[in-house]
Amino acid sequence: MRFGRPLRLDLGGIAKGYAVDRAVHALQSAGVEDILVNAGGDLRIAGRWTQNLRLRHPQAPHLSAEILTLRNAALATSATYYSRRRLGSGDVSALLDPRSAMPYIDSGSVSVRAADCMSADALTKVVLFATPEFAEQALAACGAQAFVQSPAAATG
């Protein structure tokens, strides 16, 4: 395949979730019982640990928007707060809206808690870009839960 212009491809989403899952599996195979693997915000906890996590506010990532508990589960977030950039006369981000093939520049965020990190990562994109009905079906099929943060959600 050839492209007529430069292309930037970021596999940080689903591939990073897969890498987290493989790391957890390797540690479990080595006899480690309590595990926390964090790869740039893609997080999975296994064993007896329970962690309270603060979801970042999408427009002010140094602030919290919601607190949730994670135990024997994974969490992934899709947002533009670290990848959004000005390019020419418009903004771009690491996320592309598959419906328009344009950069996704919305100021909200989606976090998904699931049994494994690869699923959590993939489901953040489903929640962002699919119809609400399809997203609900996909979350239910995976036993996952989405946390959608709007720009007005900060708690400090």
C-alpha atoms as a PDB file:
ATOM      1  CA  MET A   1       0.000   0.000   0.000  1.00  0.00           C
ATOM      2  CA  ARG A   2       1.262   3.489  -0.814  1.00  0.00           C
ATOM      3  CA  PHE A   3       0.130   6.872   0.451  1.00  0.00           C
ATOM      4  CA  GLY A   4       0.446  10.073  -1.520  1.00  0.00           C
ATOM      5  CA  ARG A   5       1.372  12.113   1.546  1.00  0.00           C
ATOM      6  CA  PRO A   6       3.224  11.572   4.819  1.00  0.00           C
ATOM      7  CA  LEU A   7       1.395   9.385   7.293  1.00  0.00           C
ATOM      8  CA  ARG A   8       1.805   9.073  11.046  1.00  0.00           C
ATOM      9  CA  LEU A   9       0.543   5.786  12.456  1.00  0.00           C
ATOM     10  CA  ASP A  10       0.271   5.413  16.222  1.00  0.00           C
ATOM     11  CA  LEU A  11      -0.203   1.863  17.509  1.00  0.00           C
ATOM     12  CA  GLY A  12      -0.111   3.076  21.101  1.00  0.00           C
ATOM     13  CA  GLY A  13      -3.730   2.138  21.733  1.00  0.00           C
ATOM     14  CA  ILE A  14      -4.622  -1.494  21.286  1.00  0.00           C
ATOM     15  CA  ALA A  15      -1.001  -2.613  20.896  1.00  0.00           C
ATOM     16  CA  LYS A  16      -0.077  -1.020  24.218  1.00  0.00           C
ATOM     17  CA  GLY A  17      -2.995  -2.782  25.905  1.00  0.00           C
ATOM     18  CA  TYR A  18      -1.827  -6.080  24.430  1.00  0.00           C
ATOM     19  CA  ALA A  19       1.697  -5.439  25.745  1.00  0.00           C
ATOM     20  CA  VAL A  20       0.314  -4.808  29.242  1.00  0.00           C
ATOM     21  CA  ASP A  21      -1.630  -8.083  29.105  1.00  0.00           C
ATOM     22  CA  ARG A  22       1.474  -9.992  27.959  1.00  0.00           C
ATOM     23  CA  ALA A  23       3.516  -8.463  30.790  1.00  0.00           C
ATOM     24  CA  VAL A  24       0.889  -9.527  33.340  1.00  0.00           C
ATOM     25  CA  HIS A  25       0.834 -13.034  31.864  1.00  0.00           C
ATOM     26  CA  ALA A  26       4.642 -13.275  32.003  1.00  0.00           C
ATOM     27  CA  LEU A  27       4.702 -12.174  35.637  1.00  0.00           C
ATOM     28  CA  GLN A  28       1.950 -14.623  36.575  1.00  0.00           C
ATOM     29  CA  SER A  29       3.847 -17.413  34.789  1.00  0.00           C
ATOM     30  CA  ALA A  30       6.899 -16.526  36.882  1.00  0.00           C
ATOM     31  CA  GLY A  31       4.861 -16.957  40.082  1.00  0.00           C
ATOM     32  CA  VAL A  32       4.237 -13.283  40.877  1.00  0.00           C
ATOM     33  CA  GLU A  33       0.860 -13.007  42.586  1.00  0.00           C
ATOM     34  CA  ASP A  34       0.198  -9.288  43.038  1.00  0.00           C
ATOM     35  CA  ILE A  35       0.791  -7.296  39.868  1.00  0.00           C
ATOM     36  CA  LEU A  36       0.328  -3.752  38.657  1.00  0.00           C
ATOM     37  CA  VAL A  37       1.494  -2.946  35.122  1.00  0.00           C
ATOM     38  CA  ASN A  38       1.168   0.622  33.849  1.00  0.00           C
ATOM     39  CA  ALA A  39       2.215   1.474  30.301  1.00  0.00           C
ATOM     40  CA  GLY A  40       1.603   5.154  29.828  1.00  0.00           C
ATOM     41  CA  GLY A  41      -1.835   5.078  31.386  1.00  0.00           C
ATOM     42  CA  ASP A  42      -2.913   1.646  30.161  1.00  0.00           C
ATOM     43  CA  LEU A  43      -3.162  -0.115  33.476  1.00  0.00           C
ATOM     44  CA  ARG A  44      -3.892  -3.644  34.669  1.00  0.00           C
ATOM     45  CA  ILE A  45      -4.001  -4.965  38.211  1.00  0.00           C
ATOM     46  CA  ALA A  46      -3.932  -8.664  39.091  1.00  0.00           C
ATOM     47  CA  GLY A  47      -3.922 -10.449  42.420  1.00  0.00           C
ATOM     48  CA  ARG A  48      -5.048  -9.192  45.816  1.00  0.00           C
ATOM     49  CA  TRP A  49      -4.395  -5.494  45.231  1.00  0.00           C
ATOM     50  CA  THR A  50      -7.183  -2.978  45.011  1.00  0.00           C
ATOM     51  CA  GLN A  51      -6.382   0.490  43.699  1.00  0.00           C
ATOM     52  CA  ASN A  52      -8.462   3.643  43.787  1.00  0.00           C
ATOM     53  CA  LEU A  53      -7.765   5.569  40.600  1.00  0.00           C
ATOM     54  CA  ARG A  54      -8.519   9.129  39.674  1.00  0.00           C
ATOM     55  CA  LEU A  55      -9.652   9.695  36.119  1.00  0.00           C
ATOM     56  CA  ARG A  56      -8.143  12.848  34.644  1.00  0.00           C
ATOM     57  CA  HIS A  57     -10.293  15.810  33.729  1.00  0.00           C
ATOM     58  CA  PRO A  58     -10.150  15.928  29.925  1.00  0.00           C
ATOM     59  CA  GLN A  59      -9.456  19.681  29.704  1.00  0.00           C
ATOM     60  CA  ALA A  60      -7.242  19.916  32.801  1.00  0.00           C
ATOM     61  CA  PRO A  61      -5.388  16.584  33.148  1.00  0.00           C
ATOM     62  CA  HIS A  62      -3.855  17.658  36.473  1.00  0.00           C
ATOM     63  CA  LEU A  63      -7.383  17.636  37.991  1.00  0.00           C
ATOM     64  CA  SER A  64      -9.572  14.637  38.825  1.00  0.00           C
ATOM     65  CA  ALA A  65     -12.924  14.087  37.204  1.00  0.00           C
ATOM     66  CA  GLU A  66     -13.965  10.817  38.880  1.00  0.00           C
ATOM     67  CA  ILE A  67     -12.566   8.180  41.239  1.00  0.00           C
ATOM     68  CA  LEU A  68     -13.016   4.473  40.595  1.00  0.00           C
ATOM     69  CA  THR A  69     -11.747   1.210  42.066  1.00  0.00           C
ATOM     70  CA  LEU A  70      -9.755  -1.367  40.138  1.00  0.00           C
ATOM     71  CA  ARG A  71      -9.153  -4.964  41.224  1.00  0.00           C
ATOM     72  CA  ASN A  72      -8.240  -7.844  38.901  1.00  0.00           C
ATOM     73  CA  ALA A  73      -9.108  -5.623  35.968  1.00  0.00           C
ATOM     74  CA  ALA A  74      -7.684  -3.205  33.429  1.00  0.00           C
ATOM     75  CA  LEU A  75      -8.315   0.436  32.608  1.00  0.00           C
ATOM     76  CA  ALA A  76      -7.580   2.357  29.427  1.00  0.00           C
ATOM     77  CA  THR A  77      -8.439   5.910  28.409  1.00  0.00           C
ATOM     78  CA  SER A  78      -8.778   7.639  25.058  1.00  0.00           C
ATOM     79  CA  ALA A  79      -8.548  11.424  25.101  1.00  0.00           C
ATOM     80  CA  THR A  80      -6.783  14.183  23.246  1.00  0.00           C
ATOM     81  CA  TYR A  81      -5.352  16.118  26.200  1.00  0.00           C
ATOM     82  CA  TYR A  82      -1.759  15.002  25.525  1.00  0.00           C
ATOM     83  CA  SER A  83      -1.817  14.488  21.756  1.00  0.00           C
ATOM     84  CA  ARG A  84      -3.820  17.489  20.533  1.00  0.00           C
ATOM     85  CA  ARG A  85      -1.642  19.906  18.539  1.00  0.00           C
ATOM     86  CA  ARG A  86      -2.091  22.893  16.283  1.00  0.00           C
ATOM     87  CA  LEU A  87      -1.084  22.107  12.697  1.00  0.00           C
ATOM     88  CA  GLY A  88      -1.483  24.831  10.116  1.00  0.00           C
ATOM     89  CA  SER A  89      -4.916  26.330  10.507  1.00  0.00           C
ATOM     90  CA  GLY A  90      -6.439  23.433  12.458  1.00  0.00           C
ATOM     91  CA  ASP A  91      -5.942  21.007  15.308  1.00  0.00           C
ATOM     92  CA  VAL A  92      -4.860  17.376  15.070  1.00  0.00           C
ATOM     93  CA  SER A  93      -4.565  14.542  17.577  1.00  0.00           C
ATOM     94  CA  ALA A  94      -3.390  10.939  17.710  1.00  0.00           C
ATOM     95  CA  LEU A  95      -7.015   9.786  17.364  1.00  0.00           C
ATOM     96  CA  LEU A  96      -8.722   9.604  13.985  1.00  0.00           C
ATOM     97  CA  ASP A  97     -12.483   9.517  13.628  1.00  0.00           C
ATOM     98  CA  PRO A  98     -13.104   6.541  11.289  1.00  0.00           C
ATOM     99  CA  ARG A  99     -16.384   8.059  10.114  1.00  0.00           C
ATOM    100  CA  SER A 100     -14.725  11.157   8.669  1.00  0.00           C
ATOM    101  CA  ALA A 101     -11.029  10.103   8.506  1.00  0.00           C
ATOM    102  CA  MET A 102     -10.337  13.421  10.238  1.00  0.00           C
ATOM    103  CA  PRO A 103      -8.466  13.988  13.498  1.00  0.00           C
ATOM    104  CA  TYR A 104     -10.650  13.594  16.569  1.00  0.00           C
ATOM    105  CA  ILE A 105     -10.291  16.845  18.512  1.00  0.00           C
ATOM    106  CA  ASP A 106     -13.183  16.690  20.967  1.00  0.00           C
ATOM    107  CA  SER A 107     -12.304  17.753  24.507  1.00  0.00           C
ATOM    108  CA  GLY A 108     -13.956  14.837  26.330  1.00  0.00           C
ATOM    109  CA  SER A 109     -12.466  11.486  27.307  1.00  0.00           C
ATOM    110  CA  VAL A 110     -13.534   7.862  27.546  1.00  0.00           C
ATOM    111  CA  SER A 111     -12.114   5.360  30.025  1.00  0.00           C
ATOM    112  CA  VAL A 112     -13.066   1.689  30.001  1.00  0.00           C
ATOM    113  CA  ARG A 113     -12.656  -0.859  32.782  1.00  0.00           C
ATOM    114  CA  ALA A 114     -12.466  -4.428  31.455  1.00  0.00           C
ATOM    115  CA  ALA A 115     -10.970  -7.797  32.357  1.00  0.00           C
ATOM    116  CA  ASP A 116      -7.951  -7.261  30.092  1.00  0.00           C
ATOM    117  CA  CYS A 117      -6.154  -4.179  28.842  1.00  0.00           C
ATOM    118  CA  MET A 118      -6.349  -4.895  25.117  1.00  0.00           C
ATOM    119  CA  SER A 119     -10.149  -5.070  25.333  1.00  0.00           C
ATOM    120  CA  ALA A 120     -10.292  -1.928  27.474  1.00  0.00           C
ATOM    121  CA  ASP A 121      -8.148  -0.085  24.918  1.00  0.00           C
ATOM    122  CA  ALA A 122     -10.202  -1.224  21.940  1.00  0.00           C
ATOM    123  CA  LEU A 123     -13.485  -0.453  23.680  1.00  0.00           C
ATOM    124  CA  THR A 124     -12.494   3.169  24.353  1.00  0.00           C
ATOM    125  CA  LYS A 125     -12.499   3.694  20.579  1.00  0.00           C
ATOM    126  CA  VAL A 126     -15.809   1.858  20.196  1.00  0.00           C
ATOM    127  CA  VAL A 127     -17.410   4.124  22.811  1.00  0.00           C
ATOM    128  CA  LEU A 128     -15.902   7.215  21.159  1.00  0.00           C
ATOM    129  CA  PHE A 129     -16.899   6.440  17.595  1.00  0.00           C
ATOM    130  CA  ALA A 130     -19.710   3.863  17.401  1.00  0.00           C
ATOM    131  CA  THR A 131     -23.388   4.492  17.899  1.00  0.00           C
ATOM    132  CA  PRO A 132     -24.426   4.444  21.573  1.00  0.00           C
ATOM    133  CA  GLU A 133     -26.455   1.283  20.986  1.00  0.00           C
ATOM    134  CA  PHE A 134     -23.505  -0.579  19.447  1.00  0.00           C
ATOM    135  CA  ALA A 135     -21.142   0.669  22.162  1.00  0.00           C
ATOM    136  CA  GLU A 136     -23.509  -0.564  24.891  1.00  0.00           C
ATOM    137  CA  GLN A 137     -23.732  -3.984  23.215  1.00  0.00           C
ATOM    138  CA  ALA A 138     -19.935  -4.224  22.861  1.00  0.00           C
ATOM    139  CA  LEU A 139     -19.373  -3.224  26.494  1.00  0.00           C
ATOM    140  CA  ALA A 140     -21.960  -5.750  27.694  1.00  0.00           C
ATOM    141  CA  ALA A 141     -20.481  -8.529  25.524  1.00  0.00           C
ATOM    142  CA  CYS A 142     -17.067  -7.898  27.124  1.00  0.00           C
ATOM    143  CA  GLY A 143     -18.350  -7.368  30.670  1.00  0.00           C
ATOM    144  CA  ALA A 144     -16.843  -3.876  30.558  1.00  0.00           C
ATOM    145  CA  GLN A 145     -17.867  -0.487  31.885  1.00  0.00           C
ATOM    146  CA  ALA A 146     -17.294   2.937  30.281  1.00  0.00           C
ATOM    147  CA  PHE A 147     -16.669   6.228  32.054  1.00  0.00           C
ATOM    148  CA  VAL A 148     -17.331   9.186  29.762  1.00  0.00           C
ATOM    149  CA  GLN A 149     -15.906  12.487  30.950  1.00  0.00           C
ATOM    150  CA  SER A 150     -17.304  15.743  29.640  1.00  0.00           C
ATOM    151  CA  PRO A 151     -15.298  18.979  29.823  1.00  0.00           C
ATOM    152  CA  ALA A 152     -17.308  20.170  32.851  1.00  0.00           C
ATOM    153  CA  ALA A 153     -16.512  17.139  35.043  1.00  0.00           C
ATOM    154  CA  ALA A 154     -13.549  18.357  37.181  1.00  0.00           C
ATOM    155  CA  THR A 155     -13.606  17.869  40.964  1.00  0.00           C
ATOM    156  CA  GLY A 156     -10.050  19.034  41.804  1.00  0.00           C
END
